[in-house]
Amino acid sequence: MESDSIECPDCGQPKGLASGTQIGQILNCAGCGALLEVLALSPPEIGHAPQIEEDFGE
């Protein structure tokens, strides 16, 4: 069951947030494939997920 709806910052595709969604959760946009992070729940806010970088043993 979806409780709140937000839009992808890249393509504007509506994205519903399920009732169990948590801050920091990573979502995938069905419209453009962008990886998005839940930044806030009330009001709902999403942004681009941080890129995972290789540390090459550093």
PDB file of N, CA and C in Angstrom:
ATOM      1  N   MET A   1       0.841  -1.181   0.000  1.00  0.00           N
ATOM      2  CA  MET A   1       0.000   0.000   0.000  1.00  0.00           C
ATOM      3  C   MET A   1       0.884   1.243   0.000  1.00  0.00           C
ATOM      4  N   GLU A   2       0.646   2.156  -0.951  1.00  0.00           N
ATOM      5  CA  GLU A   2       1.430   3.370  -1.047  1.00  0.00           C
ATOM      6  C   GLU A   2       0.735   4.489  -0.300  1.00  0.00           C
ATOM      7  N   SER A   3       1.522   5.267   0.467  1.00  0.00           N
ATOM      8  CA  SER A   3       0.923   6.313   1.279  1.00  0.00           C
ATOM      9  C   SER A   3       1.182   7.704   0.712  1.00  0.00           C
ATOM     10  N   ASP A   4       2.378   7.983   0.243  1.00  0.00           N
ATOM     11  CA  ASP A   4       2.731   9.296  -0.264  1.00  0.00           C
ATOM     12  C   ASP A   4       3.330   9.146  -1.652  1.00  0.00           C
ATOM     13  N   SER A   5       3.193  10.179  -2.470  1.00  0.00           N
ATOM     14  CA  SER A   5       3.737  10.151  -3.815  1.00  0.00           C
ATOM     15  C   SER A   5       4.676  11.329  -4.013  1.00  0.00           C
ATOM     16  N   ILE A   6       5.795  11.072  -4.679  1.00  0.00           N
ATOM     17  CA  ILE A   6       6.783  12.089  -4.985  1.00  0.00           C
ATOM     18  C   ILE A   6       7.181  11.931  -6.443  1.00  0.00           C
ATOM     19  N   GLU A   7       7.965  12.864  -6.965  1.00  0.00           N
ATOM     20  CA  GLU A   7       8.405  12.796  -8.355  1.00  0.00           C
ATOM     21  C   GLU A   7       9.914  12.650  -8.427  1.00  0.00           C
ATOM     22  N   CYS A   8      10.374  11.916  -9.427  1.00  0.00           N
ATOM     23  CA  CYS A   8      11.802  11.766  -9.687  1.00  0.00           C
ATOM     24  C   CYS A   8      12.369  13.136 -10.048  1.00  0.00           C
ATOM     25  N   PRO A   9      13.503  13.527  -9.442  1.00  0.00           N
ATOM     26  CA  PRO A   9      14.093  14.835  -9.767  1.00  0.00           C
ATOM     27  C   PRO A   9      14.653  14.902 -11.186  1.00  0.00           C
ATOM     28  N   ASP A  10      14.884  13.764 -11.825  1.00  0.00           N
ATOM     29  CA  ASP A  10      15.426  13.746 -13.181  1.00  0.00           C
ATOM     30  C   ASP A  10      14.346  13.786 -14.256  1.00  0.00           C
ATOM     31  N   CYS A  11      13.368  12.881 -14.163  1.00  0.00           N
ATOM     32  CA  CYS A  11      12.395  12.755 -15.245  1.00  0.00           C
ATOM     33  C   CYS A  11      10.975  13.143 -14.853  1.00  0.00           C
ATOM     34  N   GLY A  12      10.705  13.363 -13.570  1.00  0.00           N
ATOM     35  CA  GLY A  12       9.369  13.757 -13.131  1.00  0.00           C
ATOM     36  C   GLY A  12       8.387  12.612 -12.980  1.00  0.00           C
ATOM     37  N   GLN A  13       8.848  11.387 -13.149  1.00  0.00           N
ATOM     38  CA  GLN A  13       7.990  10.206 -13.007  1.00  0.00           C
ATOM     39  C   GLN A  13       7.473  10.119 -11.573  1.00  0.00           C
ATOM     40  N   PRO A  14       6.158   9.991 -11.382  1.00  0.00           N
ATOM     41  CA  PRO A  14       5.639   9.831 -10.016  1.00  0.00           C
ATOM     42  C   PRO A  14       6.138   8.525  -9.390  1.00  0.00           C
ATOM     43  N   LYS A  15       6.467   8.591  -8.126  1.00  0.00           N
ATOM     44  CA  LYS A  15       6.957   7.426  -7.386  1.00  0.00           C
ATOM     45  C   LYS A  15       6.227   7.375  -6.060  1.00  0.00           C
ATOM     46  N   GLY A  16       5.553   6.281  -5.801  1.00  0.00           N
ATOM     47  CA  GLY A  16       4.855   6.123  -4.536  1.00  0.00           C
ATOM     48  C   GLY A  16       5.775   5.579  -3.471  1.00  0.00           C
ATOM     49  N   LEU A  17       5.601   6.057  -2.258  1.00  0.00           N
ATOM     50  CA  LEU A  17       6.362   5.533  -1.125  1.00  0.00           C
ATOM     51  C   LEU A  17       5.485   4.579  -0.346  1.00  0.00           C
ATOM     52  N   ALA A  18       5.951   3.358  -0.165  1.00  0.00           N
ATOM     53  CA  ALA A  18       5.214   2.368   0.599  1.00  0.00           C
ATOM     54  C   ALA A  18       5.174   2.763   2.073  1.00  0.00           C
ATOM     55  N   SER A  19       4.221   2.240   2.791  1.00  0.00           N
ATOM     56  CA  SER A  19       4.039   2.605   4.201  1.00  0.00           C
ATOM     57  C   SER A  19       5.233   2.261   5.080  1.00  0.00           C
ATOM     58  N   GLY A  20       6.072   1.298   4.697  1.00  0.00           N
ATOM     59  CA  GLY A  20       7.234   0.919   5.499  1.00  0.00           C
ATOM     60  C   GLY A  20       8.529   1.585   5.077  1.00  0.00           C
ATOM     61  N   THR A  21       8.464   2.572   4.201  1.00  0.00           N
ATOM     62  CA  THR A  21       9.658   3.243   3.700  1.00  0.00           C
ATOM     63  C   THR A  21      10.394   3.954   4.832  1.00  0.00           C
ATOM     64  N   GLN A  22      11.731   3.895   4.789  1.00  0.00           N
ATOM     65  CA  GLN A  22      12.555   4.521   5.828  1.00  0.00           C
ATOM     66  C   GLN A  22      13.501   5.543   5.216  1.00  0.00           C
ATOM     67  N   ILE A  23      13.898   6.536   5.997  1.00  0.00           N
ATOM     68  CA  ILE A  23      14.888   7.514   5.558  1.00  0.00           C
ATOM     69  C   ILE A  23      16.192   6.788   5.261  1.00  0.00           C
ATOM     70  N   GLY A  24      16.810   7.128   4.143  1.00  0.00           N
ATOM     71  CA  GLY A  24      18.057   6.488   3.734  1.00  0.00           C
ATOM     72  C   GLY A  24      17.857   5.327   2.789  1.00  0.00           C
ATOM     73  N   GLN A  25      16.620   4.898   2.608  1.00  0.00           N
ATOM     74  CA  GLN A  25      16.324   3.781   1.713  1.00  0.00           C
ATOM     75  C   GLN A  25      16.594   4.198   0.272  1.00  0.00           C
ATOM     76  N   ILE A  26      17.151   3.289  -0.535  1.00  0.00           N
ATOM     77  CA  ILE A  26      17.450   3.551  -1.935  1.00  0.00           C
ATOM     78  C   ILE A  26      16.307   3.006  -2.792  1.00  0.00           C
ATOM     79  N   LEU A  27      15.832   3.859  -3.704  1.00  0.00           N
ATOM     80  CA  LEU A  27      14.750   3.502  -4.616  1.00  0.00           C
ATOM     81  C   LEU A  27      15.256   3.598  -6.048  1.00  0.00           C
ATOM     82  N   ASN A  28      14.599   2.887  -6.962  1.00  0.00           N
ATOM     83  CA  ASN A  28      14.940   2.922  -8.367  1.00  0.00           C
ATOM     84  C   ASN A  28      13.790   3.549  -9.136  1.00  0.00           C
ATOM     85  N   CYS A  29      14.064   4.575  -9.958  1.00  0.00           N
ATOM     86  CA  CYS A  29      13.024   5.209 -10.756  1.00  0.00           C
ATOM     87  C   CYS A  29      12.676   4.313 -11.940  1.00  0.00           C
ATOM     88  N   ALA A  30      11.399   4.003 -12.093  1.00  0.00           N
ATOM     89  CA  ALA A  30      10.960   3.163 -13.209  1.00  0.00           C
ATOM     90  C   ALA A  30      11.030   3.913 -14.536  1.00  0.00           C
ATOM     91  N   GLY A  31      11.000   5.239 -14.489  1.00  0.00           N
ATOM     92  CA  GLY A  31      10.998   6.031 -15.715  1.00  0.00           C
ATOM     93  C   GLY A  31      12.371   6.175 -16.355  1.00  0.00           C
ATOM     94  N   CYS A  32      13.397   6.492 -15.546  1.00  0.00           N
ATOM     95  CA  CYS A  32      14.721   6.760 -16.112  1.00  0.00           C
ATOM     96  C   CYS A  32      15.824   5.874 -15.536  1.00  0.00           C
ATOM     97  N   GLY A  33      15.508   5.082 -14.507  1.00  0.00           N
ATOM     98  CA  GLY A  33      16.492   4.176 -13.927  1.00  0.00           C
ATOM     99  C   GLY A  33      17.405   4.811 -12.892  1.00  0.00           C
ATOM    100  N   ALA A  34      17.164   6.070 -12.537  1.00  0.00           N
ATOM    101  CA  ALA A  34      18.006   6.751 -11.552  1.00  0.00           C
ATOM    102  C   ALA A  34      17.885   6.089 -10.179  1.00  0.00           C
ATOM    103  N   LEU A  35      18.999   6.059  -9.452  1.00  0.00           N
ATOM    104  CA  LEU A  35      18.981   5.587  -8.070  1.00  0.00           C
ATOM    105  C   LEU A  35      18.712   6.786  -7.171  1.00  0.00           C
ATOM    106  N   LEU A  36      17.685   6.674  -6.336  1.00  0.00           N
ATOM    107  CA  LEU A  36      17.234   7.778  -5.503  1.00  0.00           C
ATOM    108  C   LEU A  36      17.252   7.376  -4.041  1.00  0.00           C
ATOM    109  N   GLU A  37      17.548   8.320  -3.171  1.00  0.00           N
ATOM    110  CA  GLU A  37      17.588   8.087  -1.730  1.00  0.00           C
ATOM    111  C   GLU A  37      16.461   8.858  -1.067  1.00  0.00           C
ATOM    112  N   VAL A  38      15.773   8.210  -0.126  1.00  0.00           N
ATOM    113  CA  VAL A  38      14.728   8.881   0.641  1.00  0.00           C
ATOM    114  C   VAL A  38      15.415   9.782   1.666  1.00  0.00           C
ATOM    115  N   LEU A  39      15.159  11.103   1.558  1.00  0.00           N
ATOM    116  CA  LEU A  39      15.793  12.076   2.443  1.00  0.00           C
ATOM    117  C   LEU A  39      14.906  12.465   3.614  1.00  0.00           C
ATOM    118  N   ALA A  40      13.589  12.446   3.411  1.00  0.00           N
ATOM    119  CA  ALA A  40      12.630  12.810   4.461  1.00  0.00           C
ATOM    120  C   ALA A  40      11.302  12.126   4.161  1.00  0.00           C
ATOM    121  N   LEU A  41      10.510  11.934   5.212  1.00  0.00           N
ATOM    122  CA  LEU A  41       9.218  11.265   5.054  1.00  0.00           C
ATOM    123  C   LEU A  41       8.033  12.215   5.191  1.00  0.00           C
ATOM    124  N   SER A  42       8.182  13.274   5.960  1.00  0.00           N
ATOM    125  CA  SER A  42       7.054  14.179   6.178  1.00  0.00           C
ATOM    126  C   SER A  42       7.521  15.623   6.124  1.00  0.00           C
ATOM    127  N   PRO A  43       7.364  16.305   5.007  1.00  0.00           N
ATOM    128  CA  PRO A  43       6.820  15.820   3.736  1.00  0.00           C
ATOM    129  C   PRO A  43       7.842  14.933   3.026  1.00  0.00           C
ATOM    130  N   PRO A  44       7.369  14.051   2.150  1.00  0.00           N
ATOM    131  CA  PRO A  44       8.287  13.142   1.460  1.00  0.00           C
ATOM    132  C   PRO A  44       9.255  13.905   0.557  1.00  0.00           C
ATOM    133  N   GLU A  45      10.522  13.494   0.609  1.00  0.00           N
ATOM    134  CA  GLU A  45      11.557  14.127  -0.207  1.00  0.00           C
ATOM    135  C   GLU A  45      12.573  13.078  -0.637  1.00  0.00           C
ATOM    136  N   ILE A  46      12.962  13.108  -1.909  1.00  0.00           N
ATOM    137  CA  ILE A  46      13.996  12.211  -2.406  1.00  0.00           C
ATOM    138  C   ILE A  46      15.059  13.018  -3.128  1.00  0.00           C
ATOM    139  N   GLY A  47      16.236  12.432  -3.241  1.00  0.00           N
ATOM    140  CA  GLY A  47      17.340  13.038  -3.972  1.00  0.00           C
ATOM    141  C   GLY A  47      18.177  11.932  -4.590  1.00  0.00           C
ATOM    142  N   HIS A  48      19.205  12.315  -5.298  1.00  0.00           N
ATOM    143  CA  HIS A  48      20.070  11.318  -5.924  1.00  0.00           C
ATOM    144  C   HIS A  48      20.827  10.535  -4.857  1.00  0.00           C
ATOM    145  N   ALA A  49      20.914   9.230  -5.044  1.00  0.00           N
ATOM    146  CA  ALA A  49      21.650   8.374  -4.109  1.00  0.00           C
ATOM    147  C   ALA A  49      23.141   8.645  -4.266  1.00  0.00           C
ATOM    148  N   PRO A  50      23.887   8.596  -3.167  1.00  0.00           N
ATOM    149  CA  PRO A  50      25.334   8.809  -3.262  1.00  0.00           C
ATOM    150  C   PRO A  50      25.991   7.710  -4.098  1.00  0.00           C
ATOM    151  N   GLN A  51      26.996   8.090  -4.858  1.00  0.00           N
ATOM    152  CA  GLN A  51      27.730   7.132  -5.675  1.00  0.00           C
ATOM    153  C   GLN A  51      28.675   6.330  -4.790  1.00  0.00           C
ATOM    154  N   ILE A  52      28.735   5.041  -5.012  1.00  0.00           N
ATOM    155  CA  ILE A  52      29.665   4.186  -4.273  1.00  0.00           C
ATOM    156  C   ILE A  52      30.984   4.196  -5.033  1.00  0.00           C
ATOM    157  N   GLU A  53      32.042   4.576  -4.343  1.00  0.00           N
ATOM    158  CA  GLU A  53      33.355   4.675  -4.979  1.00  0.00           C
ATOM    159  C   GLU A  53      34.250   3.556  -4.475  1.00  0.00           C
ATOM    160  N   GLU A  54      35.132   3.104  -5.345  1.00  0.00           N
ATOM    161  CA  GLU A  54      36.113   2.086  -4.978  1.00  0.00           C
ATOM    162  C   GLU A  54      37.197   2.716  -4.115  1.00  0.00           C
ATOM    163  N   ASP A  55      37.677   1.992  -3.119  1.00  0.00           N
ATOM    164  CA  ASP A  55      38.770   2.525  -2.303  1.00  0.00           C
ATOM    165  C   ASP A  55      40.116   1.917  -2.692  1.00  0.00           C
ATOM    166  N   PHE A  56      40.128   0.882  -3.507  1.00  0.00           N
ATOM    167  CA  PHE A  56      41.325   0.232  -3.990  1.00  0.00           C
ATOM    168  C   PHE A  56      42.307  -0.091  -2.869  1.00  0.00           C
ATOM    169  N   GLY A  57      41.771  -0.503  -1.723  1.00  0.00           N
ATOM    170  CA  GLY A  57      42.599  -0.933  -0.612  1.00  0.00           C
ATOM    171  C   GLY A  57      43.197   0.206   0.195  1.00  0.00           C
ATOM    172  N   GLU A  58      42.747   1.397  -0.038  1.00  0.00           N
ATOM    173  CA  GLU A  58      43.301   2.538   0.696  1.00  0.00           C
ATOM    174  C   GLU A  58      42.739   2.622   2.091  1.00  0.00           C
TER     175      GLU A  58
END
